Each structure stands twice: as structure tokens, then as C-alpha cells.
Amino acid sequence: MRNNLIYRATFHTRSKQLSSALSDELRKKYSRKSIRVVEGDSVKIVRGEFKGVDGKIAQVSTEKNSVAIEGIKKEKTKGDKFDVLIHTSNLLVTGLNTEDKWRISKLEGKRPAKQQKDTKKEEPTKETKVTKNEKKGEDN
């Protein structure tokens, strides 16, 4: 059972498992405890070797349920540096990447599809209709 949930999970299930806890400020603002992490989110490492380090997410690995954070690298014996992958459960999200409007509207509890339709209705139309009386007045 556990193998199916973790190691043989489908892609959309693995994507849902890539969530991290929100900071106290964001928790109060959005009334949620956790969120799926994406590239560009600001995080703080809570557990492990790099505990207390802040940074932005540079890469998300769905296969390993981990993320690579900018500035956190380890050095090999030959001198090469490589990114350290940190499990998402060891992270605390301190800032969100707000480029994705769909994600933000879902966080705020709004229906994203409905919100996009409302913005289309508010746009003014460029064409203006001219009545017959106005046309007669222009000719005179």
C-alpha cells in the first residue's frame, strides 16, 4: 500500500505531495497550513544540515519530492559543485511566487475560472453604436 502511495504514485498525486508548510504570516493571510511549492517561492530550511538557511527555489524534482534552493551547493572531492536536494517537508514557505494568477486566486478561496470571466465582462467595448437621430444631426 505504501509503495503505491509513495514510489508508484501517478504524476498528479506526486505533484500534490510536493507541499510545504506556510509561515505564520501567510497562514493567517490565506487560512491554509500548507501549499504546493513552485520555482520562485522563498523558503526557509527548518531541518537538516542546512537548517536556518533562507533562499529561493531554483528547481523542483517531482521524482524525489525535493527541491533545489539557490545558493545551497555541496562540493565533490574533485572540486565540482552540485545542487543539494532538500525534501519539501523540511521547508517553511516564507514568500510566494505571485506570477501565476490562477494559484493566487485558488489560495484566496476564489474560483479562478469565474474570476477570469468577470474581468472579460468589465473590459469596455471599442465599438460605439450611432443612432439614426445622431446621423441626421451630423448631416445638417
C-alpha atoms as a PDB file:
ATOM      1  CA  MET A   1       0.000   0.000   0.000  1.00  0.00           C
ATOM      2  CA  ARG A   2       2.729   2.461   0.962  1.00  0.00           C
ATOM      3  CA  ASN A   3       4.675   1.693  -2.228  1.00  0.00           C
ATOM      4  CA  ASN A   4       1.647   2.676  -4.299  1.00  0.00           C
ATOM      5  CA  LEU A   5       1.260   5.936  -2.367  1.00  0.00           C
ATOM      6  CA  ILE A   6       4.904   6.973  -2.487  1.00  0.00           C
ATOM      7  CA  TYR A   7       7.024   5.184  -5.063  1.00  0.00           C
ATOM      8  CA  ARG A   8       4.457   4.223  -7.698  1.00  0.00           C
ATOM      9  CA  ALA A   9       2.234   7.272  -7.387  1.00  0.00           C
ATOM     10  CA  THR A  10       0.794   8.886 -10.508  1.00  0.00           C
ATOM     11  CA  PHE A  11       2.108  12.259 -11.633  1.00  0.00           C
ATOM     12  CA  HIS A  12      -0.808  14.301 -10.311  1.00  0.00           C
ATOM     13  CA  THR A  13      -0.582  12.522  -6.933  1.00  0.00           C
ATOM     14  CA  ARG A  14       3.167  13.202  -6.735  1.00  0.00           C
ATOM     15  CA  SER A  15       2.538  16.837  -7.531  1.00  0.00           C
ATOM     16  CA  LYS A  16       0.149  17.109  -4.581  1.00  0.00           C
ATOM     17  CA  GLN A  17       2.785  15.554  -2.313  1.00  0.00           C
ATOM     18  CA  LEU A  18       5.207  18.421  -3.081  1.00  0.00           C
ATOM     19  CA  SER A  19       3.756  20.699  -0.426  1.00  0.00           C
ATOM     20  CA  SER A  20       5.427  22.618   2.390  1.00  0.00           C
ATOM     21  CA  ALA A  21       4.158  24.404   5.476  1.00  0.00           C
ATOM     22  CA  LEU A  22       3.355  28.110   5.271  1.00  0.00           C
ATOM     23  CA  SER A  23       4.861  30.690   7.633  1.00  0.00           C
ATOM     24  CA  ASP A  24       2.640  32.162  10.370  1.00  0.00           C
ATOM     25  CA  GLU A  25       2.011  35.389   8.392  1.00  0.00           C
ATOM     26  CA  LEU A  26       0.953  33.540   5.235  1.00  0.00           C
ATOM     27  CA  ARG A  27      -1.064  31.069   7.297  1.00  0.00           C
ATOM     28  CA  LYS A  28      -3.135  33.914   8.762  1.00  0.00           C
ATOM     29  CA  LYS A  29      -3.495  35.649   5.396  1.00  0.00           C
ATOM     30  CA  TYR A  30      -4.643  32.618   3.369  1.00  0.00           C
ATOM     31  CA  SER A  31      -6.143  30.423   6.162  1.00  0.00           C
ATOM     32  CA  ARG A  32      -4.145  27.390   4.998  1.00  0.00           C
ATOM     33  CA  LYS A  33      -1.382  25.358   6.599  1.00  0.00           C
ATOM     34  CA  SER A  34       0.494  24.203   3.514  1.00  0.00           C
ATOM     35  CA  ILE A  35       0.878  24.836  -0.199  1.00  0.00           C
ATOM     36  CA  ARG A  36       2.448  23.140  -3.192  1.00  0.00           C
ATOM     37  CA  VAL A  37       5.869  24.685  -3.797  1.00  0.00           C
ATOM     38  CA  VAL A  38       6.901  26.084  -7.187  1.00  0.00           C
ATOM     39  CA  GLU A  39      10.040  27.674  -8.568  1.00  0.00           C
ATOM     40  CA  GLY A  40      10.496  31.199  -7.286  1.00  0.00           C
ATOM     41  CA  ASP A  41       8.967  30.684  -3.830  1.00  0.00           C
ATOM     42  CA  SER A  42      11.049  31.945  -0.905  1.00  0.00           C
ATOM     43  CA  VAL A  43      11.655  29.261   1.702  1.00  0.00           C
ATOM     44  CA  LYS A  44      13.472  28.696   4.962  1.00  0.00           C
ATOM     45  CA  ILE A  45      15.018  25.324   5.782  1.00  0.00           C
ATOM     46  CA  VAL A  46      13.702  24.061   9.122  1.00  0.00           C
ATOM     47  CA  ARG A  47      15.503  20.713   9.495  1.00  0.00           C
ATOM     48  CA  GLY A  48      18.699  19.053   8.385  1.00  0.00           C
ATOM     49  CA  GLU A  49      22.269  20.084   7.610  1.00  0.00           C
ATOM     50  CA  PHE A  50      21.303  23.496   6.194  1.00  0.00           C
ATOM     51  CA  LYS A  51      18.859  24.421   8.990  1.00  0.00           C
ATOM     52  CA  GLY A  52      18.117  28.165   9.172  1.00  0.00           C
ATOM     53  CA  VAL A  53      19.158  28.979   5.586  1.00  0.00           C
ATOM     54  CA  ASP A  54      16.822  31.162   3.501  1.00  0.00           C
ATOM     55  CA  GLY A  55      16.629  31.105  -0.278  1.00  0.00           C
ATOM     56  CA  LYS A  56      14.511  30.830  -3.403  1.00  0.00           C
ATOM     57  CA  ILE A  57      13.551  27.559  -5.017  1.00  0.00           C
ATOM     58  CA  ALA A  58      15.585  27.049  -8.185  1.00  0.00           C
ATOM     59  CA  GLN A  59      14.335  23.624  -9.258  1.00  0.00           C
ATOM     60  CA  VAL A  60      11.568  21.213  -8.251  1.00  0.00           C
ATOM     61  CA  SER A  61      12.094  17.436  -8.543  1.00  0.00           C
ATOM     62  CA  THR A  62       8.786  15.554  -8.531  1.00  0.00           C
ATOM     63  CA  GLU A  63      10.556  12.177  -8.675  1.00  0.00           C
ATOM     64  CA  LYS A  64      12.369  12.749  -5.365  1.00  0.00           C
ATOM     65  CA  ASN A  65       9.789  15.038  -3.682  1.00  0.00           C
ATOM     66  CA  SER A  66      12.616  17.520  -3.246  1.00  0.00           C
ATOM     67  CA  VAL A  67      13.694  20.985  -4.296  1.00  0.00           C
ATOM     68  CA  ALA A  68      16.993  22.651  -5.084  1.00  0.00           C
ATOM     69  CA  ILE A  69      17.496  26.051  -3.451  1.00  0.00           C
ATOM     70  CA  GLU A  70      19.638  28.850  -4.879  1.00  0.00           C
ATOM     71  CA  GLY A  71      22.975  29.183  -3.127  1.00  0.00           C
ATOM     72  CA  ILE A  72      22.963  25.760  -1.471  1.00  0.00           C
ATOM     73  CA  LYS A  73      25.580  23.548  -3.072  1.00  0.00           C
ATOM     74  CA  LYS A  74      27.961  20.817  -1.977  1.00  0.00           C
ATOM     75  CA  GLU A  75      31.435  20.221  -3.303  1.00  0.00           C
ATOM     76  CA  LYS A  76      32.720  16.930  -4.677  1.00  0.00           C
ATOM     77  CA  THR A  77      36.236  15.708  -3.962  1.00  0.00           C
ATOM     78  CA  LYS A  78      37.380  16.827  -7.421  1.00  0.00           C
ATOM     79  CA  GLY A  79      36.091  20.351  -6.791  1.00  0.00           C
ATOM     80  CA  ASP A  80      32.851  20.216  -8.780  1.00  0.00           C
ATOM     81  CA  LYS A  81      29.791  21.705  -7.118  1.00  0.00           C
ATOM     82  CA  PHE A  82      26.275  20.273  -7.289  1.00  0.00           C
ATOM     83  CA  ASP A  83      22.836  21.300  -6.039  1.00  0.00           C
ATOM     84  CA  VAL A  84      21.591  19.775  -2.809  1.00  0.00           C
ATOM     85  CA  LEU A  85      18.046  18.426  -2.980  1.00  0.00           C
ATOM     86  CA  ILE A  86      16.004  19.086   0.166  1.00  0.00           C
ATOM     87  CA  HIS A  87      12.733  17.301   0.918  1.00  0.00           C
ATOM     88  CA  THR A  88       9.698  19.596   0.879  1.00  0.00           C
ATOM     89  CA  SER A  89       8.602  18.538   4.370  1.00  0.00           C
ATOM     90  CA  ASN A  90      11.759  20.182   5.764  1.00  0.00           C
ATOM     91  CA  LEU A  91      10.862  23.609   4.357  1.00  0.00           C
ATOM     92  CA  LEU A  92       8.821  26.585   5.531  1.00  0.00           C
ATOM     93  CA  VAL A  93       7.410  28.832   2.788  1.00  0.00           C
ATOM     94  CA  THR A  94       8.057  32.490   3.670  1.00  0.00           C
ATOM     95  CA  GLY A  95       7.199  34.139   0.345  1.00  0.00           C
ATOM     96  CA  LEU A  96       5.113  33.128  -2.639  1.00  0.00           C
ATOM     97  CA  ASN A  97       5.807  33.436  -6.342  1.00  0.00           C
ATOM     98  CA  THR A  98       2.860  35.589  -7.471  1.00  0.00           C
ATOM     99  CA  GLU A  99       3.357  35.283 -11.243  1.00  0.00           C
ATOM    100  CA  ASP A 100       0.658  32.614 -11.502  1.00  0.00           C
ATOM    101  CA  LYS A 101      -2.692  34.403 -11.034  1.00  0.00           C
ATOM    102  CA  TRP A 102      -4.567  31.076 -11.022  1.00  0.00           C
ATOM    103  CA  ARG A 103      -2.559  29.880  -7.999  1.00  0.00           C
ATOM    104  CA  ILE A 104      -3.127  33.098  -6.048  1.00  0.00           C
ATOM    105  CA  SER A 105      -6.877  33.131  -6.712  1.00  0.00           C
ATOM    106  CA  LYS A 106      -7.107  29.493  -5.560  1.00  0.00           C
ATOM    107  CA  LEU A 107      -5.225  30.430  -2.382  1.00  0.00           C
ATOM    108  CA  GLU A 108      -7.587  33.303  -1.656  1.00  0.00           C
ATOM    109  CA  GLY A 109     -10.546  30.957  -1.998  1.00  0.00           C
ATOM    110  CA  LYS A 110     -11.912  32.438  -5.202  1.00  0.00           C
ATOM    111  CA  ARG A 111     -12.963  30.445  -8.220  1.00  0.00           C
ATOM    112  CA  PRO A 112     -10.283  31.170 -10.842  1.00  0.00           C
ATOM    113  CA  ALA A 113     -12.391  30.368 -13.916  1.00  0.00           C
ATOM    114  CA  LYS A 114     -15.213  32.638 -12.765  1.00  0.00           C
ATOM    115  CA  GLN A 115     -12.785  35.445 -11.934  1.00  0.00           C
ATOM    116  CA  GLN A 116     -11.317  35.402 -15.444  1.00  0.00           C
ATOM    117  CA  LYS A 117     -14.808  35.617 -16.993  1.00  0.00           C
ATOM    118  CA  ASP A 118     -15.665  38.605 -14.789  1.00  0.00           C
ATOM    119  CA  THR A 119     -12.581  40.520 -15.927  1.00  0.00           C
ATOM    120  CA  LYS A 120     -13.553  39.963 -19.562  1.00  0.00           C
ATOM    121  CA  LYS A 121     -17.031  41.439 -18.942  1.00  0.00           C
ATOM    122  CA  GLU A 122     -15.596  44.580 -17.361  1.00  0.00           C
ATOM    123  CA  GLU A 123     -13.489  45.479 -20.397  1.00  0.00           C
ATOM    124  CA  PRO A 124     -15.156  48.317 -22.346  1.00  0.00           C
ATOM    125  CA  THR A 125     -16.035  47.685 -25.962  1.00  0.00           C
ATOM    126  CA  LYS A 126     -14.353  49.861 -28.579  1.00  0.00           C
ATOM    127  CA  GLU A 127     -17.309  49.979 -30.951  1.00  0.00           C
ATOM    128  CA  THR A 128     -19.946  52.594 -30.255  1.00  0.00           C
ATOM    129  CA  LYS A 129     -23.333  52.426 -31.854  1.00  0.00           C
ATOM    130  CA  VAL A 130     -24.637  55.540 -33.523  1.00  0.00           C
ATOM    131  CA  THR A 131     -28.386  56.063 -33.609  1.00  0.00           C
ATOM    132  CA  LYS A 132     -30.282  57.331 -36.643  1.00  0.00           C
ATOM    133  CA  ASN A 133     -31.023  60.647 -34.933  1.00  0.00           C
ATOM    134  CA  GLU A 134     -27.307  61.309 -34.354  1.00  0.00           C
ATOM    135  CA  LYS A 135     -26.551  60.591 -38.012  1.00  0.00           C
ATOM    136  CA  LYS A 136     -29.204  63.085 -39.151  1.00  0.00           C
ATOM    137  CA  GLY A 137     -27.771  65.714 -36.836  1.00  0.00           C
ATOM    138  CA  GLU A 138     -24.257  65.261 -38.320  1.00  0.00           C
ATOM    139  CA  ASP A 139     -25.509  65.713 -41.899  1.00  0.00           C
ATOM    140  CA  ASN A 140     -27.201  69.046 -41.146  1.00  0.00           C
END
